[in-house]
Amino acid sequence: MRAMVEVTLFAVLIGCGGTTLHSSRERGVSPEEAYGDIRTPGLYAMRFSDTAGSVIALTLWLPPSESGASVDLPDLPGRGDRRQRVRSVRCGMREVERALDGWTLPPGCDVLHWDVEVAPLDSAGADPSRQLAIRDPDLGWWLLPGAALFLIPQGLRERPVLDLRTPEDIPAFHTLPESPGLGLSLPPVSQLGRVMIGLGAFRVETLGEGRGRVRHLFDRPDAPEVSSFAAVQGLATAYMARVTGSAPPSQLDVFWLARDPSARTIAGASGAGTIALNYFSAELPADTPPRVRRAPIMMLLHEQFLVLAGSQLPAWMAESLAQTYALKALRLAQVIDDAEHDALVAEAAPDGVLSVRLLEAQRRYHEQGDWSAYEVFVGAGVAFWNEIDRLIAEDSHGERSLDDVLPALLGLIFHPDGRPPERFLALLQEAGLDAAPDVTRRWLGWP
C-alpha cells in the first residue's frame, strides 16, 4: 500500500425544498441570518460559538412540537455525563429546562438552539470511549462525536442533514456523504450517535486509493507512523470482512489520540466508518508486559470489527466478539502464537469462573451505565466464544469453526434486553455444537 499525506478543506451545500444554500464561512453569522425564512425539519446547523472553539453552537429545525414532546442526546452509555455539557437549550428566546430524561419542548417549537461545551483533555490525555466533545487548544484540533452533539426529537421522520460551519483555516474530517443539492447527509436519527467529526490540525496519512481506503488522523506531528501497523491492519481487515460477510466501508477514518503511559490504559470508540482510539505518547518502561505494548493495535482491531459488524447487536455480543476476533486476527498475523492466544483467553475467566453472567452484565451496562460490565464482555465474553469455537472444531473434526456460523449470528435480531432469539441456539447446534444450551446457560444465564 502507498501512504499519501493529504489535508483537505471542507465546503457544504444543502438543498432545502429546491433552494440551494451555500454554507457561509463568516464568523458570527447566525443560522437565522444565513437561512432567513427557510424551515426544513431535520436540518442541523453547527458552528463555533466563540473564536476559541470552546463551545459548539447547534440549531435544529423541526416540525412544530406538540405539548410534551421532548429531545435528548443519543441513547448510549454515559449519556448522563454528556448531558451535563449541553447548555442553554432554547426555543427562540425561551429557555427550555432539562428534565430527568431530556428536555421537554413548549408547544409550537419549530427551531431549537443549544450549545455544547467542549471538554478539555485530562492530565493523561483523551479518553475517546467517553464520547465527549473534546479539543486540544495547544495543538489546535477537535473531536466531535454525534453522541455529544445531536439533540434528537421524538418522532422525527425526516432524514437529517448537516450544515457544518468552520473557519476557513480549520479543515474538517468525516465520512458523511455529500449529495448534489443535499449537503452532508446524516444517518437516520437512530444512528446519529455513530457520527464522528474531526476538525483542525490532524496529521493525515491515507492508505490505499478509491473504495476501502483508510485515512489515519494523528493528533500530534510526532505520533507513530502508519507503517508500524499497516500490514497487520490490512491482513486483519481482509480476514474480518470475510468472516463477517461485510464489505469494508468506502472510507475508514481512524483518529489517533495521545495517552500518557502512566495511565496504562487504551480506550477506543467506533462509529459509522470512523474509529477513535489512543496510542501511548511516550516510550513505555522496559518491564512493560507485551500485552500492554500491543494495546493500541489490539484496540484498533477491536474497533475495526465493530465497524464491520454494524450497530444492531447488544453490547455483550458486539464487544465480546470484537475482542475475540481481534485476538484471532493477531494470531493470524503472527503477532501472537497459539500458546499466547490461549493464555490470554485463559486469563479472561480462569477455570471458567464467572463473577457475573453476560446477560446480567448487559443489564447493568444498559440500565445503570455500569462501565465495569465492559470488563465482563471482553473477559468472560472472549472465553465464551473461544469455548464455542473450540467445541465446534472438535465436534466437526476440524472442518468447521465459529467463523462459519458468524455471519448468521450477526444477522439475528436480539431482544431489547440483549437475550438471543431461539435461532441463536439452533445455529450453534446446526454447526455441530450439540451442547450449545449447556454452554450458553453457563456463560449467559440463558436459556
Protein backbone atom coordinates (compact mmCIF):
# COMPACT_ATOMS: atom_id res chain seq x y z
CA MET A 1 0.00 0.00 0.00
CA ARG A 2 1.11 3.54 -0.66
CA ALA A 3 0.97 6.14 2.11
CA MET A 4 -0.22 9.53 0.98
CA VAL A 5 -0.34 12.67 3.11
CA GLU A 6 -3.38 14.84 2.49
CA VAL A 7 -5.06 17.81 4.10
CA THR A 8 -8.49 18.80 2.85
CA LEU A 9 -10.66 21.83 3.37
CA PHE A 10 -14.38 21.42 3.55
CA ALA A 11 -17.36 23.10 1.91
CA VAL A 12 -21.03 22.22 2.18
CA LEU A 13 -24.11 22.58 0.03
CA ILE A 14 -27.54 21.95 1.49
CA GLY A 15 -30.68 21.77 -0.59
CA CYS A 16 -33.94 22.76 1.07
CA GLY A 17 -37.21 22.49 -0.83
CA GLY A 18 -35.48 23.16 -4.15
CA THR A 19 -33.41 26.06 -2.78
CA THR A 20 -29.64 25.52 -2.63
CA LEU A 21 -27.81 27.19 0.22
CA HIS A 22 -24.07 27.81 0.13
CA SER A 23 -22.71 27.41 3.63
CA SER A 24 -21.22 30.66 4.90
CA ARG A 25 -17.71 30.67 6.34
CA GLU A 26 -18.07 34.01 8.09
CA ARG A 27 -17.54 34.06 11.83
CA GLY A 28 -20.52 35.15 13.91
CA VAL A 29 -23.21 34.58 11.24
CA SER A 30 -26.26 33.14 12.99
CA PRO A 31 -28.37 30.36 11.43
CA GLU A 32 -31.33 32.76 11.20
CA GLU A 33 -29.25 35.27 9.24
CA ALA A 34 -27.93 32.55 6.92
CA TYR A 35 -31.22 30.76 6.30
CA GLY A 36 -33.79 33.53 6.53
CA ASP A 37 -37.33 32.13 6.32
CA ILE A 38 -36.32 28.62 5.25
CA ARG A 39 -37.53 25.94 7.67
CA THR A 40 -36.63 22.35 6.86
CA PRO A 41 -37.36 19.77 9.58
CA GLY A 42 -34.30 17.63 10.21
CA LEU A 43 -31.76 20.29 9.22
CA TYR A 44 -28.96 20.66 11.78
CA ALA A 45 -26.61 23.66 11.62
CA MET A 46 -23.34 23.53 13.60
CA ARG A 47 -20.72 26.23 14.14
CA PHE A 48 -18.25 27.57 16.68
CA SER A 49 -19.94 29.78 19.25
CA ASP A 50 -16.69 31.56 20.12
CA THR A 51 -13.41 32.17 18.34
CA ALA A 52 -11.60 29.69 20.63
CA GLY A 53 -13.93 26.84 19.69
CA SER A 54 -14.62 26.01 23.35
CA VAL A 55 -18.37 25.94 22.69
CA ILE A 56 -20.20 24.40 19.72
CA ALA A 57 -23.49 26.07 18.81
CA LEU A 58 -26.17 23.94 17.16
CA THR A 59 -29.57 24.66 15.66
CA LEU A 60 -32.23 22.17 14.58
CA TRP A 61 -35.33 22.94 12.54
CA LEU A 62 -38.18 20.59 13.43
CA PRO A 63 -41.93 20.19 12.94
CA PRO A 64 -43.90 22.39 15.37
CA SER A 65 -43.91 20.44 18.63
CA GLU A 66 -46.95 19.26 20.46
CA SER A 67 -47.24 19.69 24.22
CA GLY A 68 -44.93 17.25 25.99
CA ALA A 69 -42.64 16.50 23.04
CA SER A 70 -39.03 16.04 24.11
CA VAL A 71 -35.49 15.92 22.76
CA ASP A 72 -32.41 14.16 24.10
CA LEU A 73 -28.91 13.03 23.16
CA PRO A 74 -28.49 9.57 21.58
CA ASP A 75 -29.22 6.73 23.98
CA LEU A 76 -25.70 5.42 24.57
CA PRO A 77 -23.92 4.56 27.84
CA GLY A 78 -22.52 7.64 29.56
CA ARG A 79 -25.32 9.89 28.27
CA GLY A 80 -25.72 11.47 31.73
CA ASP A 81 -22.16 12.85 31.62
CA ARG A 82 -22.70 14.25 28.14
CA ARG A 83 -25.99 15.90 29.12
CA GLN A 84 -24.08 17.97 31.69
CA ARG A 85 -22.22 19.70 28.86
CA VAL A 86 -25.33 20.69 26.91
CA ARG A 87 -26.08 24.32 27.74
CA SER A 88 -28.77 26.90 27.03
CA VAL A 89 -31.36 24.78 25.21
CA ARG A 90 -33.94 27.24 23.89
CA CYS A 91 -36.85 27.66 21.50
CA GLY A 92 -36.42 31.13 20.09
CA MET A 93 -35.62 33.25 23.13
CA ARG A 94 -37.34 30.88 25.55
CA GLU A 95 -35.09 28.71 27.72
CA VAL A 96 -36.03 25.01 27.94
CA GLU A 97 -35.43 23.35 31.28
CA ARG A 98 -33.75 19.95 31.42
CA ALA A 99 -35.73 17.08 32.93
CA LEU A 100 -34.51 13.67 34.02
CA ASP A 101 -34.94 12.17 30.55
CA GLY A 102 -34.05 15.10 28.31
CA TRP A 103 -35.66 18.45 27.50
CA THR A 104 -39.43 18.93 27.13
CA LEU A 105 -40.31 21.41 24.39
CA PRO A 106 -43.04 24.04 24.60
CA PRO A 107 -45.93 23.72 22.12
CA GLY A 108 -45.22 25.14 18.68
CA CYS A 109 -41.42 24.98 18.94
CA ASP A 110 -40.11 24.71 15.36
CA VAL A 111 -36.50 25.80 15.78
CA LEU A 112 -34.27 24.67 18.62
CA HIS A 113 -30.90 26.10 19.67
CA TRP A 114 -28.36 24.71 22.11
CA ASP A 115 -24.68 24.89 22.99
CA VAL A 116 -22.27 22.04 23.71
CA GLU A 117 -19.31 22.73 25.97
CA VAL A 118 -16.15 21.19 24.56
CA ALA A 119 -14.27 19.28 27.26
CA PRO A 120 -10.57 19.92 27.91
CA LEU A 121 -8.21 16.97 27.96
CA ASP A 122 -7.43 15.46 31.34
CA SER A 123 -3.86 15.05 32.57
CA ALA A 124 -3.47 11.61 30.97
CA GLY A 125 -4.84 12.71 27.60
CA ALA A 126 -8.01 11.95 25.65
CA ASP A 127 -10.41 9.13 26.52
CA PRO A 128 -12.48 8.57 23.34
CA SER A 129 -14.65 5.91 24.99
CA ARG A 130 -16.48 8.64 26.96
CA GLN A 131 -17.63 10.16 23.64
CA LEU A 132 -17.41 13.73 24.88
CA ALA A 133 -16.71 16.62 22.53
CA ILE A 134 -13.03 17.29 23.19
CA ARG A 135 -10.28 19.64 21.98
CA ASP A 136 -6.60 20.36 22.40
CA PRO A 137 -6.23 24.16 22.26
CA ASP A 138 -2.44 23.93 22.10
CA LEU A 139 -2.32 21.59 19.09
CA GLY A 140 -5.47 23.00 17.51
CA TRP A 141 -7.77 20.03 16.98
CA TRP A 142 -11.30 18.98 17.97
CA LEU A 143 -13.04 15.59 18.02
CA LEU A 144 -16.83 15.86 18.00
CA PRO A 145 -18.87 12.64 18.45
CA GLY A 146 -22.51 12.69 17.47
CA ALA A 147 -23.32 11.18 20.88
CA ALA A 148 -22.33 14.51 22.46
CA LEU A 149 -23.75 16.87 19.82
CA PHE A 150 -27.15 15.96 18.45
CA LEU A 151 -30.37 16.51 20.36
CA ILE A 152 -32.89 14.18 18.74
CA PRO A 153 -36.62 14.97 18.77
CA GLN A 154 -39.16 12.22 19.31
CA GLY A 155 -40.83 11.08 16.11
CA LEU A 156 -38.62 12.94 13.63
CA ARG A 157 -39.30 11.15 10.33
CA GLU A 158 -37.20 13.27 8.01
CA ARG A 159 -33.69 12.08 7.12
CA PRO A 160 -31.44 14.61 8.89
CA VAL A 161 -28.82 16.70 7.10
CA LEU A 162 -26.00 18.81 8.49
CA ASP A 163 -24.65 22.23 7.64
CA LEU A 164 -21.18 22.32 9.20
CA ARG A 165 -19.57 25.75 9.55
CA THR A 166 -15.91 26.15 10.45
CA PRO A 167 -13.45 28.99 9.99
CA GLU A 168 -11.62 28.78 6.66
CA ASP A 169 -8.31 27.84 8.29
CA ILE A 170 -9.74 24.79 10.09
CA PRO A 171 -10.12 21.65 7.94
CA ALA A 172 -12.84 19.11 8.73
CA PHE A 173 -12.57 15.31 8.53
CA HIS A 174 -15.54 12.93 8.42
CA THR A 175 -17.09 10.13 6.35
CA LEU A 176 -20.51 11.72 5.88
CA PRO A 177 -21.59 11.55 2.23
CA GLU A 178 -22.45 14.59 0.17
CA SER A 179 -25.28 14.52 -2.34
CA PRO A 180 -25.92 17.11 -5.05
CA GLY A 181 -28.20 19.73 -3.56
CA LEU A 182 -28.35 17.97 -0.16
CA GLY A 183 -25.04 18.77 1.52
CA LEU A 184 -23.95 16.41 4.28
CA SER A 185 -26.32 13.51 4.67
CA LEU A 186 -26.56 12.29 8.25
CA PRO A 187 -27.59 8.72 9.09
CA PRO A 188 -31.13 8.03 10.37
CA VAL A 189 -31.85 9.53 13.77
CA SER A 190 -31.36 6.16 15.47
CA GLN A 191 -27.75 6.19 14.24
CA LEU A 192 -26.77 9.82 14.93
CA GLY A 193 -24.71 8.69 17.91
CA ARG A 194 -22.36 6.92 15.49
CA VAL A 195 -21.29 10.12 13.71
CA MET A 196 -17.78 11.41 14.43
CA ILE A 197 -16.26 14.64 13.09
CA GLY A 198 -12.67 15.80 13.46
CA LEU A 199 -11.57 19.40 12.99
CA GLY A 200 -8.20 21.08 12.84
CA ALA A 201 -4.54 20.17 12.80
CA PHE A 202 -4.51 16.40 12.45
CA ARG A 203 -1.56 14.83 10.64
CA VAL A 204 -3.14 12.72 7.91
CA GLU A 205 -1.85 9.58 6.20
CA THR A 206 -4.07 7.74 3.72
CA LEU A 207 -3.55 4.09 2.85
CA GLY A 208 -4.99 2.84 -0.40
CA GLU A 209 -6.99 4.60 -3.08
CA GLY A 210 -10.64 4.50 -4.02
CA ARG A 211 -13.12 2.35 -2.13
CA GLY A 212 -11.73 0.77 1.04
CA ARG A 213 -9.08 3.41 1.70
CA VAL A 214 -8.12 4.11 5.32
CA ARG A 215 -7.34 7.63 6.49
CA HIS A 216 -5.29 7.79 9.69
CA LEU A 217 -5.51 11.12 11.53
CA PHE A 218 -2.93 11.74 14.26
CA ASP A 219 -3.26 14.42 16.92
CA ARG A 220 0.49 15.13 17.06
CA PRO A 221 3.18 15.60 14.42
CA ASP A 222 5.43 13.11 16.24
CA ALA A 223 2.78 10.37 16.56
CA PRO A 224 3.68 6.83 15.34
CA GLU A 225 3.98 6.19 11.62
CA VAL A 226 1.27 4.16 9.93
CA SER A 227 3.90 1.80 8.56
CA SER A 228 4.38 0.37 12.07
CA PHE A 229 1.00 -1.38 11.99
CA ALA A 230 -0.34 -1.10 8.41
CA ALA A 231 0.44 -4.70 7.43
CA VAL A 232 -1.33 -6.15 10.48
CA GLN A 233 -4.36 -3.92 9.95
CA GLY A 234 -4.59 -4.81 6.27
CA LEU A 235 -4.50 -8.54 6.94
CA ALA A 236 -6.98 -8.22 9.81
CA THR A 237 -9.39 -6.18 7.69
CA ALA A 238 -9.43 -8.79 4.94
CA TYR A 239 -9.95 -11.61 7.46
CA MET A 240 -12.72 -9.82 9.38
CA ALA A 241 -14.51 -8.78 6.20
CA ARG A 242 -14.51 -12.41 5.05
CA VAL A 243 -15.80 -13.93 8.29
CA THR A 244 -18.45 -11.24 8.92
CA GLY A 245 -19.63 -11.21 5.32
CA SER A 246 -19.41 -7.40 5.35
CA ALA A 247 -17.58 -5.19 2.89
CA PRO A 248 -15.25 -2.60 4.43
CA PRO A 249 -16.62 0.96 4.36
CA SER A 250 -15.74 3.01 1.30
CA GLN A 251 -13.54 5.08 3.60
CA LEU A 252 -12.48 4.45 7.19
CA ASP A 253 -11.28 7.38 9.31
CA VAL A 254 -9.08 6.45 12.29
CA PHE A 255 -8.40 9.23 14.82
CA TRP A 256 -5.30 8.57 16.97
CA LEU A 257 -5.16 10.46 20.29
CA ALA A 258 -2.19 10.50 22.68
CA ARG A 259 -2.46 8.83 26.09
CA ASP A 260 0.18 9.12 28.81
CA PRO A 261 1.86 5.75 29.54
CA SER A 262 1.27 6.27 33.26
CA ALA A 263 -2.44 5.64 32.62
CA ARG A 264 -1.57 2.13 31.34
CA THR A 265 -4.93 2.05 29.60
CA ILE A 266 -6.01 2.46 25.99
CA ALA A 267 -9.56 3.48 25.11
CA GLY A 268 -11.48 3.47 21.86
CA ALA A 269 -14.83 4.12 20.20
CA SER A 270 -16.20 3.39 16.75
CA GLY A 271 -18.98 4.79 14.63
CA ALA A 272 -20.17 4.91 11.04
CA GLY A 273 -16.91 4.47 9.15
CA THR A 274 -14.91 6.02 11.97
CA ILE A 275 -12.70 4.90 14.85
CA ALA A 276 -11.12 6.95 17.63
CA LEU A 277 -8.51 5.38 19.89
CA ASN A 278 -5.38 6.04 21.90
CA TYR A 279 -1.69 5.44 21.42
CA PHE A 280 0.97 5.83 24.11
CA SER A 281 2.51 9.28 23.93
CA ALA A 282 5.95 8.27 25.23
CA GLU A 283 8.27 5.30 25.43
CA LEU A 284 6.98 2.58 27.74
CA PRO A 285 9.21 1.29 30.57
CA ALA A 286 11.40 -1.66 29.71
CA ASP A 287 9.45 -4.01 32.01
CA THR A 288 6.10 -3.24 30.35
CA PRO A 289 4.27 -6.53 29.58
CA PRO A 290 3.88 -7.34 25.86
CA ARG A 291 0.08 -7.21 26.05
CA VAL A 292 0.26 -3.59 27.25
CA ARG A 293 2.61 -2.72 24.38
CA ARG A 294 0.16 -4.30 21.95
CA ALA A 295 -2.83 -2.47 23.41
CA PRO A 296 -3.13 0.18 20.63
CA ILE A 297 -3.14 -2.31 17.75
CA MET A 298 -5.43 -4.59 19.75
CA MET A 299 -7.87 -1.71 20.26
CA LEU A 300 -7.68 -0.80 16.56
CA LEU A 301 -8.64 -4.33 15.53
CA HIS A 302 -11.37 -4.48 18.19
CA GLU A 303 -12.97 -1.29 16.89
CA GLN A 304 -12.49 -2.33 13.28
CA PHE A 305 -14.55 -5.46 13.91
CA LEU A 306 -17.33 -3.28 15.36
CA VAL A 307 -17.33 -1.11 12.23
CA LEU A 308 -17.77 -4.22 10.07
CA ALA A 309 -20.32 -5.92 12.35
CA GLY A 310 -22.63 -2.90 12.48
CA SER A 311 -24.57 -1.44 15.38
CA GLN A 312 -27.56 -3.75 15.69
CA LEU A 313 -26.01 -6.14 18.23
CA PRO A 314 -26.41 -5.90 22.01
CA ALA A 315 -23.29 -4.66 23.78
CA TRP A 316 -22.39 -8.03 25.33
CA MET A 317 -22.25 -9.74 21.94
CA ALA A 318 -20.67 -6.90 19.98
CA GLU A 319 -17.85 -6.25 22.44
CA SER A 320 -17.10 -9.90 23.20
CA LEU A 321 -16.96 -10.84 19.52
CA ALA A 322 -14.84 -7.78 18.74
CA GLN A 323 -12.27 -8.81 21.35
CA THR A 324 -12.42 -12.45 20.24
CA TYR A 325 -11.72 -11.57 16.61
CA ALA A 326 -9.05 -9.01 17.46
CA LEU A 327 -7.17 -11.84 19.18
CA LYS A 328 -7.81 -14.23 16.29
CA ALA A 329 -6.53 -11.60 13.84
CA LEU A 330 -3.37 -11.03 15.90
CA ARG A 331 -2.74 -14.76 15.82
CA LEU A 332 -3.38 -14.91 12.07
CA ALA A 333 -0.90 -12.05 11.57
CA GLN A 334 1.62 -13.95 13.74
CA VAL A 335 1.82 -11.11 16.25
CA ILE A 336 1.00 -13.73 18.87
CA ASP A 337 1.31 -17.51 18.66
CA ASP A 338 -1.23 -20.18 19.64
CA ALA A 339 0.14 -20.54 23.16
CA GLU A 340 -0.03 -16.80 23.83
CA HIS A 341 -3.53 -16.59 22.37
CA ASP A 342 -4.74 -19.40 24.62
CA ALA A 343 -3.04 -17.87 27.66
CA LEU A 344 -4.77 -14.52 27.07
CA VAL A 345 -8.13 -16.28 26.77
CA ALA A 346 -7.48 -18.28 29.94
CA GLU A 347 -6.66 -15.11 31.87
CA ALA A 348 -10.04 -13.66 30.93
CA ALA A 349 -12.03 -16.17 33.00
CA PRO A 350 -9.78 -18.60 34.91
CA ASP A 351 -11.28 -22.11 35.05
CA GLY A 352 -14.47 -20.75 33.52
CA VAL A 353 -15.43 -18.97 36.75
CA LEU A 354 -17.78 -16.02 36.25
CA SER A 355 -18.36 -13.20 38.71
CA VAL A 356 -21.44 -12.21 36.71
CA ARG A 357 -23.04 -13.77 33.66
CA LEU A 358 -23.02 -11.92 30.37
CA LEU A 359 -26.72 -11.05 30.23
CA GLU A 360 -26.63 -9.66 33.77
CA ALA A 361 -23.61 -7.56 32.78
CA GLN A 362 -25.62 -6.39 29.76
CA ARG A 363 -28.45 -5.27 32.02
CA ARG A 364 -26.11 -3.32 34.30
CA TYR A 365 -24.37 -1.73 31.32
CA HIS A 366 -27.57 -0.60 29.60
CA GLU A 367 -29.76 0.29 32.58
CA GLN A 368 -27.19 1.63 35.03
CA GLY A 369 -24.35 2.75 32.76
CA ASP A 370 -22.05 0.37 34.68
CA TRP A 371 -18.74 0.51 32.83
CA SER A 372 -17.37 -2.45 34.80
CA ALA A 373 -19.64 -4.61 32.63
CA TYR A 374 -17.25 -3.92 29.75
CA GLU A 375 -14.59 -5.96 31.55
CA VAL A 376 -17.00 -8.89 31.62
CA PHE A 377 -17.72 -8.52 27.90
CA VAL A 378 -14.05 -8.54 26.86
CA GLY A 379 -13.05 -11.08 29.52
CA ALA A 380 -15.64 -13.77 30.11
CA GLY A 381 -17.18 -12.99 26.73
CA VAL A 382 -13.96 -13.97 24.97
CA ALA A 383 -13.77 -17.18 26.96
CA PHE A 384 -17.38 -17.96 25.99
CA TRP A 385 -16.75 -17.58 22.25
CA ASN A 386 -13.43 -19.40 22.46
CA GLU A 387 -15.18 -22.40 24.04
CA ILE A 388 -17.81 -22.38 21.30
CA ASP A 389 -15.08 -22.11 18.64
CA ARG A 390 -13.15 -25.00 20.16
CA LEU A 391 -16.19 -27.28 20.58
CA ILE A 392 -17.42 -26.69 17.03
CA ALA A 393 -13.95 -27.57 15.71
CA GLU A 394 -13.76 -30.70 17.88
CA ASP A 395 -17.25 -31.91 17.01
CA SER A 396 -16.66 -31.37 13.28
CA HIS A 397 -13.14 -32.86 13.36
CA GLY A 398 -11.69 -29.52 12.34
CA GLU A 399 -13.97 -28.97 9.35
CA ARG A 400 -15.89 -26.03 10.87
CA SER A 401 -15.32 -23.22 13.35
CA LEU A 402 -17.04 -20.16 14.77
CA ASP A 403 -16.05 -18.36 11.56
CA ASP A 404 -18.52 -20.48 9.58
CA VAL A 405 -21.55 -19.54 11.67
CA LEU A 406 -20.60 -15.93 12.41
CA PRO A 407 -22.45 -14.20 9.51
CA ALA A 408 -25.71 -15.88 10.50
CA LEU A 409 -25.21 -14.95 14.17
CA LEU A 410 -24.58 -11.32 13.22
CA GLY A 411 -27.83 -11.25 11.26
CA LEU A 412 -30.04 -12.22 14.20
CA ILE A 413 -32.48 -9.82 15.84
CA PHE A 414 -31.97 -9.80 19.61
CA HIS A 415 -34.47 -8.92 22.32
CA PRO A 416 -34.24 -5.37 23.74
CA ASP A 417 -32.67 -6.74 26.95
CA GLY A 418 -29.92 -8.49 24.96
CA ARG A 419 -31.34 -12.01 25.08
CA PRO A 420 -30.72 -14.02 21.91
CA PRO A 421 -33.61 -15.38 19.84
CA GLU A 422 -34.17 -19.14 19.81
CA ARG A 423 -32.47 -19.27 16.42
CA PHE A 424 -29.18 -18.50 18.21
CA LEU A 425 -29.10 -21.97 19.75
CA ALA A 426 -30.29 -23.61 16.54
CA LEU A 427 -27.41 -22.07 14.56
CA LEU A 428 -24.84 -23.33 17.04
CA GLN A 429 -26.38 -26.82 17.03
CA GLU A 430 -26.51 -26.88 13.23
CA ALA A 431 -22.78 -26.08 13.27
CA GLY A 432 -22.26 -29.26 15.30
CA LEU A 433 -22.36 -27.90 18.86
CA ASP A 434 -24.91 -30.25 20.47
CA ALA A 435 -24.04 -28.93 23.93
CA ALA A 436 -24.99 -25.35 22.97
CA PRO A 437 -27.76 -24.98 25.63
CA ASP A 438 -25.39 -26.04 28.41
CA VAL A 439 -22.67 -23.66 27.23
CA THR A 440 -24.96 -20.66 26.86
CA ARG A 441 -26.65 -21.35 30.20
CA ARG A 442 -23.31 -21.32 31.99
CA TRP A 443 -21.94 -18.17 30.36
CA LEU A 444 -25.06 -16.16 29.51
CA GLY A 445 -27.52 -17.35 32.11
CA TRP A 446 -29.82 -18.30 29.22
CA PRO A 447 -31.98 -20.17 28.35
